[in-house]
Amino acid sequence: MTIRRPSAARTARLLAATAVLGGLFAGTTAPALAAAPGRTALRAPAGETAPATVTVTGNGRASAAPDLAILSAGVEATRPTAKEAMAVQSTAAEALLDVLHKQGITDRDIRTDSLSLAPVYTQTKDGDSKVTGYQAGQSFSVKVRDLDRTGQVIGAVNDASGEAGRINGVVFDVADPSALRAKAREAAYKDAYDKAAQHAQLSGHRLGRLVSLSEGESVRPGPGASPAASTEEPGVPLAPGEIEEQVTVSAVYELI
């Protein structure tokens, strides 16, 4: 029996064919192996959308009787020299502070807001400006915690400071506005919720969860009108009225 050995050329052709087949198998299995870990990152089904939302603004108000009056008062004097102006201003300011203490106002409720000294100019016949004097002034912020005595305090300040006295205005407020602001905030939130619920009903949805909520700056009353104080009257009649707090919120709700 004779056994033939394959030639060297045939052997080379067999090895090349085996390498080609191995590459084909490797090419088909490699993507499958690489794709296997990708199963943990599945995409959302096509066509799925985010839930609808509604954005509303709520307004809330709350009012209360004031329990605090903030008086803006001061003194002002004009004299030929700066030294004289400051001296008259200082004397008038001391008289003002003294009468405030006699009216029961404590030091913690009296604050100097400004102190000034400026030249006074007069225009000459030639059109030039000439310094003819100096004006000195000082203004105070005074808290009156007994509202029934506010007019009396104003009258006393006006009497004590004389011609140098200035009553710039009075503002009524509440000493602790947190409770009033909380009531206004509650009303604003309820207003926003009611609006969102109505929008949901009108659009054929149900109101879902609250997505976001933000609050704007609260609105407080501005300064009141300056009362007309008179040296002939022991007190000044005032009308405190009510203090109002306003809060605005913006809310976003889901519609389901």
C-alpha atoms as a PDB file:
ATOM      1  CA  MET A   1       0.000   0.000   0.000  1.00  0.00           C
ATOM      2  CA  THR A   2       1.399   3.323  -1.018  1.00  0.00           C
ATOM      3  CA  ILE A   3       0.629   6.519   0.977  1.00  0.00           C
ATOM      4  CA  ARG A   4       0.972   9.760  -0.885  1.00  0.00           C
ATOM      5  CA  ARG A   5       1.985  12.862   0.999  1.00  0.00           C
ATOM      6  CA  PRO A   6       0.402  16.163  -0.099  1.00  0.00           C
ATOM      7  CA  SER A   7       2.701  18.441  -1.901  1.00  0.00           C
ATOM      8  CA  ALA A   8       3.988  21.629  -0.317  1.00  0.00           C
ATOM      9  CA  ALA A   9       1.827  23.760  -2.616  1.00  0.00           C
ATOM     10  CA  ARG A  10      -1.351  21.869  -1.670  1.00  0.00           C
ATOM     11  CA  THR A  11      -0.569  22.251   2.007  1.00  0.00           C
ATOM     12  CA  ALA A  12      -0.171  26.001   1.636  1.00  0.00           C
ATOM     13  CA  ARG A  13      -3.519  26.267  -0.149  1.00  0.00           C
ATOM     14  CA  LEU A  14      -5.283  24.327   2.650  1.00  0.00           C
ATOM     15  CA  LEU A  15      -3.803  26.558   5.356  1.00  0.00           C
ATOM     16  CA  ALA A  16      -4.892  29.724   3.514  1.00  0.00           C
ATOM     17  CA  ALA A  17      -8.449  28.442   3.138  1.00  0.00           C
ATOM     18  CA  THR A  18      -8.599  27.625   6.858  1.00  0.00           C
ATOM     19  CA  ALA A  19      -7.469  31.152   7.767  1.00  0.00           C
ATOM     20  CA  VAL A  20     -10.139  32.667   5.543  1.00  0.00           C
ATOM     21  CA  LEU A  21     -12.912  30.570   7.114  1.00  0.00           C
ATOM     22  CA  GLY A  22     -11.644  31.441  10.609  1.00  0.00           C
ATOM     23  CA  GLY A  23     -11.809  35.149   9.760  1.00  0.00           C
ATOM     24  CA  LEU A  24     -15.387  34.799   8.520  1.00  0.00           C
ATOM     25  CA  PHE A  25     -16.513  33.072  11.713  1.00  0.00           C
ATOM     26  CA  ALA A  26     -14.719  35.663  13.831  1.00  0.00           C
ATOM     27  CA  GLY A  27     -16.413  38.473  11.897  1.00  0.00           C
ATOM     28  CA  THR A  28     -19.886  37.063  12.529  1.00  0.00           C
ATOM     29  CA  THR A  29     -19.456  36.328  16.226  1.00  0.00           C
ATOM     30  CA  ALA A  30     -17.604  39.513  17.264  1.00  0.00           C
ATOM     31  CA  PRO A  31     -20.578  41.876  16.788  1.00  0.00           C
ATOM     32  CA  ALA A  32     -22.799  39.593  18.830  1.00  0.00           C
ATOM     33  CA  LEU A  33     -20.311  39.546  21.668  1.00  0.00           C
ATOM     34  CA  ALA A  34     -19.899  43.341  21.507  1.00  0.00           C
ATOM     35  CA  ALA A  35     -23.640  43.904  21.482  1.00  0.00           C
ATOM     36  CA  ALA A  36     -24.309  41.792  24.555  1.00  0.00           C
ATOM     37  CA  PRO A  37     -23.378  44.460  27.177  1.00  0.00           C
ATOM     38  CA  GLY A  38     -25.587  46.979  25.367  1.00  0.00           C
ATOM     39  CA  ARG A  39     -28.727  45.294  26.730  1.00  0.00           C
ATOM     40  CA  THR A  40     -28.455  47.343  29.924  1.00  0.00           C
ATOM     41  CA  ALA A  41     -29.061  50.641  28.037  1.00  0.00           C
ATOM     42  CA  LEU A  42     -32.452  50.182  26.400  1.00  0.00           C
ATOM     43  CA  ARG A  43     -34.054  53.148  24.695  1.00  0.00           C
ATOM     44  CA  ALA A  44     -37.559  54.405  25.476  1.00  0.00           C
ATOM     45  CA  PRO A  45     -40.205  53.093  23.069  1.00  0.00           C
ATOM     46  CA  ALA A  46     -40.534  55.209  19.983  1.00  0.00           C
ATOM     47  CA  GLY A  47     -43.386  57.705  20.108  1.00  0.00           C
ATOM     48  CA  GLU A  48     -43.431  58.094  23.909  1.00  0.00           C
ATOM     49  CA  THR A  49     -43.686  61.818  24.925  1.00  0.00           C
ATOM     50  CA  ALA A  50     -43.209  63.755  28.160  1.00  0.00           C
ATOM     51  CA  PRO A  51     -46.391  64.430  30.194  1.00  0.00           C
ATOM     52  CA  ALA A  52     -48.289  67.641  29.488  1.00  0.00           C
ATOM     53  CA  THR A  53     -47.929  70.459  32.016  1.00  0.00           C
ATOM     54  CA  VAL A  54     -49.730  73.679  32.877  1.00  0.00           C
ATOM     55  CA  THR A  55     -48.027  76.816  34.231  1.00  0.00           C
ATOM     56  CA  VAL A  56     -50.078  79.222  36.343  1.00  0.00           C
ATOM     57  CA  THR A  57     -49.520  82.354  38.421  1.00  0.00           C
ATOM     58  CA  GLY A  58     -51.188  82.774  41.805  1.00  0.00           C
ATOM     59  CA  ASN A  59     -51.782  86.064  43.583  1.00  0.00           C
ATOM     60  CA  GLY A  60     -52.441  86.362  47.300  1.00  0.00           C
ATOM     61  CA  ARG A  61     -53.242  89.269  49.587  1.00  0.00           C
ATOM     62  CA  ALA A  62     -53.545  89.664  53.325  1.00  0.00           C
ATOM     63  CA  SER A  63     -54.197  92.763  55.404  1.00  0.00           C
ATOM     64  CA  ALA A  64     -53.940  93.730  59.054  1.00  0.00           C
ATOM     65  CA  ALA A  65     -54.113  96.815  61.224  1.00  0.00           C
ATOM     66  CA  PRO A  66     -50.686  98.474  61.654  1.00  0.00           C
ATOM     67  CA  ASP A  67     -48.961  98.431  65.011  1.00  0.00           C
ATOM     68  CA  LEU A  68     -45.995 100.639  64.140  1.00  0.00           C
ATOM     69  CA  ALA A  69     -45.463 104.164  62.788  1.00  0.00           C
ATOM     70  CA  ILE A  70     -42.150 105.207  61.239  1.00  0.00           C
ATOM     71  CA  LEU A  71     -41.691 108.965  61.327  1.00  0.00           C
ATOM     72  CA  SER A  72     -39.181 110.748  59.111  1.00  0.00           C
ATOM     73  CA  ALA A  73     -38.182 114.013  60.770  1.00  0.00           C
ATOM     74  CA  GLY A  74     -35.215 116.334  60.661  1.00  0.00           C
ATOM     75  CA  VAL A  75     -33.747 119.784  61.099  1.00  0.00           C
ATOM     76  CA  GLU A  76     -32.312 122.223  58.596  1.00  0.00           C
ATOM     77  CA  ALA A  77     -30.569 125.594  58.972  1.00  0.00           C
ATOM     78  CA  THR A  78     -29.045 128.109  56.566  1.00  0.00           C
ATOM     79  CA  ARG A  79     -26.490 130.651  57.818  1.00  0.00           C
ATOM     80  CA  PRO A  80     -23.779 132.868  56.281  1.00  0.00           C
ATOM     81  CA  THR A  81     -20.976 130.527  57.380  1.00  0.00           C
ATOM     82  CA  ALA A  82     -20.646 126.777  57.598  1.00  0.00           C
ATOM     83  CA  LYS A  83     -19.782 126.974  61.302  1.00  0.00           C
ATOM     84  CA  GLU A  84     -22.930 128.953  62.095  1.00  0.00           C
ATOM     85  CA  ALA A  85     -25.121 126.612  60.015  1.00  0.00           C
ATOM     86  CA  MET A  86     -23.758 123.529  61.780  1.00  0.00           C
ATOM     87  CA  ALA A  87     -24.158 125.160  65.193  1.00  0.00           C
ATOM     88  CA  VAL A  88     -27.844 126.014  64.602  1.00  0.00           C
ATOM     89  CA  GLN A  89     -28.468 122.563  63.126  1.00  0.00           C
ATOM     90  CA  SER A  90     -26.835 120.860  66.107  1.00  0.00           C
ATOM     91  CA  THR A  91     -28.893 122.845  68.603  1.00  0.00           C
ATOM     92  CA  ALA A  92     -32.128 122.034  66.786  1.00  0.00           C
ATOM     93  CA  ALA A  93     -31.172 118.335  66.524  1.00  0.00           C
ATOM     94  CA  GLU A  94     -30.444 118.145  70.247  1.00  0.00           C
ATOM     95  CA  ALA A  95     -33.851 119.685  70.991  1.00  0.00           C
ATOM     96  CA  LEU A  96     -35.522 117.173  68.649  1.00  0.00           C
ATOM     97  CA  LEU A  97     -33.805 114.186  70.282  1.00  0.00           C
ATOM     98  CA  ASP A  98     -34.581 115.490  73.750  1.00  0.00           C
ATOM     99  CA  VAL A  99     -38.299 115.787  73.045  1.00  0.00           C
ATOM    100  CA  LEU A 100     -38.352 112.312  71.501  1.00  0.00           C
ATOM    101  CA  HIS A 101     -36.930 110.872  74.716  1.00  0.00           C
ATOM    102  CA  LYS A 102     -39.519 112.784  76.722  1.00  0.00           C
ATOM    103  CA  GLN A 103     -42.206 111.216  74.528  1.00  0.00           C
ATOM    104  CA  GLY A 104     -41.007 107.754  75.533  1.00  0.00           C
ATOM    105  CA  ILE A 105     -39.067 106.909  72.358  1.00  0.00           C
ATOM    106  CA  THR A 106     -36.049 104.747  73.170  1.00  0.00           C
ATOM    107  CA  ASP A 107     -32.601 105.129  71.606  1.00  0.00           C
ATOM    108  CA  ARG A 108     -32.977 101.896  69.625  1.00  0.00           C
ATOM    109  CA  ASP A 109     -35.952 103.409  67.800  1.00  0.00           C
ATOM    110  CA  ILE A 110     -34.115 106.586  66.730  1.00  0.00           C
ATOM    111  CA  ARG A 111     -31.681 106.480  63.831  1.00  0.00           C
ATOM    112  CA  THR A 112     -29.812 109.215  61.946  1.00  0.00           C
ATOM    113  CA  ASP A 113     -30.466 108.714  58.236  1.00  0.00           C
ATOM    114  CA  SER A 114     -28.395 111.585  56.852  1.00  0.00           C
ATOM    115  CA  LEU A 115     -26.169 114.500  57.832  1.00  0.00           C
ATOM    116  CA  SER A 116     -25.324 117.201  55.304  1.00  0.00           C
ATOM    117  CA  LEU A 117     -23.534 120.526  54.873  1.00  0.00           C
ATOM    118  CA  ALA A 118     -23.609 122.259  51.502  1.00  0.00           C
ATOM    119  CA  PRO A 119     -22.930 125.755  50.158  1.00  0.00           C
ATOM    120  CA  VAL A 120     -25.801 127.944  49.015  1.00  0.00           C
ATOM    121  CA  TYR A 121     -25.252 129.658  45.670  1.00  0.00           C
ATOM    122  CA  THR A 122     -26.828 132.901  44.455  1.00  0.00           C
ATOM    123  CA  GLN A 123     -26.636 134.103  40.884  1.00  0.00           C
ATOM    124  CA  THR A 124     -25.214 137.608  40.439  1.00  0.00           C
ATOM    125  CA  LYS A 125     -26.286 140.208  37.883  1.00  0.00           C
ATOM    126  CA  ASP A 126     -23.370 139.172  35.706  1.00  0.00           C
ATOM    127  CA  GLY A 127     -24.674 135.605  35.594  1.00  0.00           C
ATOM    128  CA  ASP A 128     -22.024 134.176  37.890  1.00  0.00           C
ATOM    129  CA  SER A 129     -22.740 131.930  40.872  1.00  0.00           C
ATOM    130  CA  LYS A 130     -21.587 133.152  44.244  1.00  0.00           C
ATOM    131  CA  VAL A 131     -21.572 131.355  47.599  1.00  0.00           C
ATOM    132  CA  THR A 132     -23.812 133.359  49.912  1.00  0.00           C
ATOM    133  CA  GLY A 133     -24.196 130.912  52.763  1.00  0.00           C
ATOM    134  CA  TYR A 134     -24.243 127.299  53.939  1.00  0.00           C
ATOM    135  CA  GLN A 135     -27.062 124.882  54.645  1.00  0.00           C
ATOM    136  CA  ALA A 136     -26.703 122.177  57.288  1.00  0.00           C
ATOM    137  CA  GLY A 137     -29.236 119.446  57.882  1.00  0.00           C
ATOM    138  CA  GLN A 138     -29.840 116.155  59.626  1.00  0.00           C
ATOM    139  CA  SER A 139     -32.695 113.670  59.198  1.00  0.00           C
ATOM    140  CA  PHE A 140     -33.911 110.981  61.590  1.00  0.00           C
ATOM    141  CA  SER A 141     -36.010 107.837  61.327  1.00  0.00           C
ATOM    142  CA  VAL A 142     -38.192 107.407  64.410  1.00  0.00           C
ATOM    143  CA  LYS A 143     -40.260 104.330  65.276  1.00  0.00           C
ATOM    144  CA  VAL A 144     -43.389 105.036  67.293  1.00  0.00           C
ATOM    145  CA  ARG A 145     -44.686 101.761  68.699  1.00  0.00           C
ATOM    146  CA  ASP A 146     -47.767 103.270  70.342  1.00  0.00           C
ATOM    147  CA  LEU A 147     -49.897 104.333  67.374  1.00  0.00           C
ATOM    148  CA  ASP A 148     -52.279 106.357  69.526  1.00  0.00           C
ATOM    149  CA  ARG A 149     -49.419 108.729  70.356  1.00  0.00           C
ATOM    150  CA  THR A 150     -48.084 109.209  66.810  1.00  0.00           C
ATOM    151  CA  GLY A 151     -49.825 112.528  66.252  1.00  0.00           C
ATOM    152  CA  GLN A 152     -48.708 113.765  69.644  1.00  0.00           C
ATOM    153  CA  VAL A 153     -45.084 112.858  68.884  1.00  0.00           C
ATOM    154  CA  ILE A 154     -45.224 114.707  65.554  1.00  0.00           C
ATOM    155  CA  GLY A 155     -46.633 117.814  67.212  1.00  0.00           C
ATOM    156  CA  ALA A 156     -44.007 117.723  69.960  1.00  0.00           C
ATOM    157  CA  VAL A 157     -41.168 117.359  67.428  1.00  0.00           C
ATOM    158  CA  ASN A 158     -42.469 120.282  65.426  1.00  0.00           C
ATOM    159  CA  ASP A 159     -42.755 122.480  68.531  1.00  0.00           C
ATOM    160  CA  ALA A 160     -39.280 121.609  69.809  1.00  0.00           C
ATOM    161  CA  SER A 161     -37.391 122.161  66.567  1.00  0.00           C
ATOM    162  CA  GLY A 162     -39.152 125.392  65.587  1.00  0.00           C
ATOM    163  CA  GLU A 163     -38.350 126.889  62.198  1.00  0.00           C
ATOM    164  CA  ALA A 164     -35.490 124.433  61.700  1.00  0.00           C
ATOM    165  CA  GLY A 165     -37.780 121.425  62.061  1.00  0.00           C
ATOM    166  CA  ARG A 166     -38.855 119.296  59.108  1.00  0.00           C
ATOM    167  CA  ILE A 167     -41.538 116.572  59.096  1.00  0.00           C
ATOM    168  CA  ASN A 168     -40.818 114.617  55.923  1.00  0.00           C
ATOM    169  CA  GLY A 169     -43.422 111.878  56.215  1.00  0.00           C
ATOM    170  CA  VAL A 170     -44.833 108.965  58.162  1.00  0.00           C
ATOM    171  CA  VAL A 171     -45.251 105.313  57.191  1.00  0.00           C
ATOM    172  CA  PHE A 172     -47.461 102.810  59.002  1.00  0.00           C
ATOM    173  CA  ASP A 173     -46.381  99.192  59.156  1.00  0.00           C
ATOM    174  CA  VAL A 174     -46.434  96.013  61.220  1.00  0.00           C
ATOM    175  CA  ALA A 175     -43.491  95.273  63.487  1.00  0.00           C
ATOM    176  CA  ASP A 176     -43.406  91.580  62.493  1.00  0.00           C
ATOM    177  CA  PRO A 177     -44.598  91.081  58.890  1.00  0.00           C
ATOM    178  CA  SER A 178     -43.891  87.322  58.806  1.00  0.00           C
ATOM    179  CA  ALA A 179     -47.400  86.270  59.876  1.00  0.00           C
ATOM    180  CA  LEU A 180     -49.023  88.630  57.372  1.00  0.00           C
ATOM    181  CA  ARG A 181     -46.726  87.391  54.602  1.00  0.00           C
ATOM    182  CA  ALA A 182     -47.545  83.766  55.440  1.00  0.00           C
ATOM    183  CA  LYS A 183     -51.265  84.445  55.011  1.00  0.00           C
ATOM    184  CA  ALA A 184     -50.669  86.152  51.668  1.00  0.00           C
ATOM    185  CA  ARG A 185     -48.461  83.246  50.535  1.00  0.00           C
ATOM    186  CA  GLU A 186     -51.164  80.725  51.479  1.00  0.00           C
ATOM    187  CA  ALA A 187     -53.729  82.682  49.468  1.00  0.00           C
ATOM    188  CA  ALA A 188     -51.362  82.872  46.473  1.00  0.00           C
ATOM    189  CA  TYR A 189     -50.731  79.107  46.514  1.00  0.00           C
ATOM    190  CA  LYS A 190     -54.457  78.350  46.684  1.00  0.00           C
ATOM    191  CA  ASP A 191     -55.090  80.736  43.794  1.00  0.00           C
ATOM    192  CA  ALA A 192     -52.457  78.970  41.680  1.00  0.00           C
ATOM    193  CA  TYR A 193     -53.835  75.515  42.529  1.00  0.00           C
ATOM    194  CA  ASP A 194     -57.416  76.514  41.704  1.00  0.00           C
ATOM    195  CA  LYS A 195     -56.334  77.919  38.344  1.00  0.00           C
ATOM    196  CA  ALA A 196     -54.353  74.783  37.486  1.00  0.00           C
ATOM    197  CA  ALA A 197     -57.278  72.530  38.469  1.00  0.00           C
ATOM    198  CA  GLN A 198     -59.618  74.514  36.217  1.00  0.00           C
ATOM    199  CA  HIS A 199     -57.205  74.287  33.285  1.00  0.00           C
ATOM    200  CA  ALA A 200     -56.968  70.521  33.803  1.00  0.00           C
ATOM    201  CA  GLN A 201     -60.745  70.171  33.777  1.00  0.00           C
ATOM    202  CA  LEU A 202     -61.154  72.367  30.697  1.00  0.00           C
ATOM    203  CA  SER A 203     -58.567  70.358  28.782  1.00  0.00           C
ATOM    204  CA  GLY A 204     -60.030  66.974  29.729  1.00  0.00           C
ATOM    205  CA  HIS A 205     -57.210  66.029  32.094  1.00  0.00           C
ATOM    206  CA  ARG A 206     -56.709  65.447  35.776  1.00  0.00           C
ATOM    207  CA  LEU A 207     -54.315  67.544  37.813  1.00  0.00           C
ATOM    208  CA  GLY A 208     -51.088  65.682  38.552  1.00  0.00           C
ATOM    209  CA  ARG A 209     -48.112  66.361  40.760  1.00  0.00           C
ATOM    210  CA  LEU A 210     -46.542  69.747  41.381  1.00  0.00           C
ATOM    211  CA  VAL A 211     -43.423  70.008  39.203  1.00  0.00           C
ATOM    212  CA  SER A 212     -42.028  73.367  40.342  1.00  0.00           C
ATOM    213  CA  LEU A 213     -42.982  76.348  42.485  1.00  0.00           C
ATOM    214  CA  SER A 214     -41.357  79.779  42.728  1.00  0.00           C
ATOM    215  CA  GLU A 215     -42.233  82.929  44.653  1.00  0.00           C
ATOM    216  CA  GLY A 216     -41.727  86.514  43.529  1.00  0.00           C
ATOM    217  CA  GLU A 217     -40.907  89.484  45.733  1.00  0.00           C
ATOM    218  CA  SER A 218     -43.644  90.527  48.094  1.00  0.00           C
ATOM    219  CA  VAL A 219     -45.152  94.000  47.718  1.00  0.00           C
ATOM    220  CA  ARG A 220     -45.262  96.327  50.695  1.00  0.00           C
ATOM    221  CA  PRO A 221     -46.942  99.745  51.061  1.00  0.00           C
ATOM    222  CA  GLY A 222     -45.000 102.859  50.113  1.00  0.00           C
ATOM    223  CA  PRO A 223     -44.472 105.971  52.232  1.00  0.00           C
ATOM    224  CA  GLY A 224     -47.568 107.842  53.300  1.00  0.00           C
ATOM    225  CA  ALA A 225     -48.273 111.478  52.629  1.00  0.00           C
ATOM    226  CA  SER A 226     -46.511 114.062  54.758  1.00  0.00           C
ATOM    227  CA  PRO A 227     -48.821 115.279  57.514  1.00  0.00           C
ATOM    228  CA  ALA A 228     -49.292 119.013  57.938  1.00  0.00           C
ATOM    229  CA  ALA A 229     -47.989 119.736  61.423  1.00  0.00           C
ATOM    230  CA  SER A 230     -48.850 122.994  63.173  1.00  0.00           C
ATOM    231  CA  THR A 231     -47.255 124.595  66.199  1.00  0.00           C
ATOM    232  CA  GLU A 232     -50.663 125.679  67.449  1.00  0.00           C
ATOM    233  CA  GLU A 233     -51.966 122.101  67.700  1.00  0.00           C
ATOM    234  CA  PRO A 234     -50.861 119.682  70.423  1.00  0.00           C
ATOM    235  CA  GLY A 235     -51.149 116.740  68.053  1.00  0.00           C
ATOM    236  CA  VAL A 236     -51.663 115.831  64.399  1.00  0.00           C
ATOM    237  CA  PRO A 237     -54.692 113.745  63.357  1.00  0.00           C
ATOM    238  CA  LEU A 238     -53.654 110.658  61.378  1.00  0.00           C
ATOM    239  CA  ALA A 239     -55.452 107.742  59.707  1.00  0.00           C
ATOM    240  CA  PRO A 240     -53.339 104.546  59.855  1.00  0.00           C
ATOM    241  CA  GLY A 241     -55.712 102.438  57.733  1.00  0.00           C
ATOM    242  CA  GLU A 242     -54.590  98.851  57.026  1.00  0.00           C
ATOM    243  CA  ILE A 243     -51.326  97.293  55.929  1.00  0.00           C
ATOM    244  CA  GLU A 244     -51.552  94.951  52.947  1.00  0.00           C
ATOM    245  CA  GLU A 245     -49.077  92.271  51.926  1.00  0.00           C
ATOM    246  CA  GLN A 246     -49.101  90.875  48.380  1.00  0.00           C
ATOM    247  CA  VAL A 247     -47.376  87.658  47.285  1.00  0.00           C
ATOM    248  CA  THR A 248     -47.131  86.166  43.797  1.00  0.00           C
ATOM    249  CA  VAL A 249     -46.174  82.542  43.041  1.00  0.00           C
ATOM    250  CA  SER A 250     -45.605  80.666  39.788  1.00  0.00           C
ATOM    251  CA  ALA A 251     -46.452  76.942  39.718  1.00  0.00           C
ATOM    252  CA  VAL A 252     -46.089  74.129  37.167  1.00  0.00           C
ATOM    253  CA  TYR A 253     -48.364  71.063  37.427  1.00  0.00           C
ATOM    254  CA  GLU A 254     -48.520  67.845  35.423  1.00  0.00           C
ATOM    255  CA  LEU A 255     -51.701  67.012  33.523  1.00  0.00           C
ATOM    256  CA  ILE A 256     -52.634  63.323  33.550  1.00  0.00           C
END
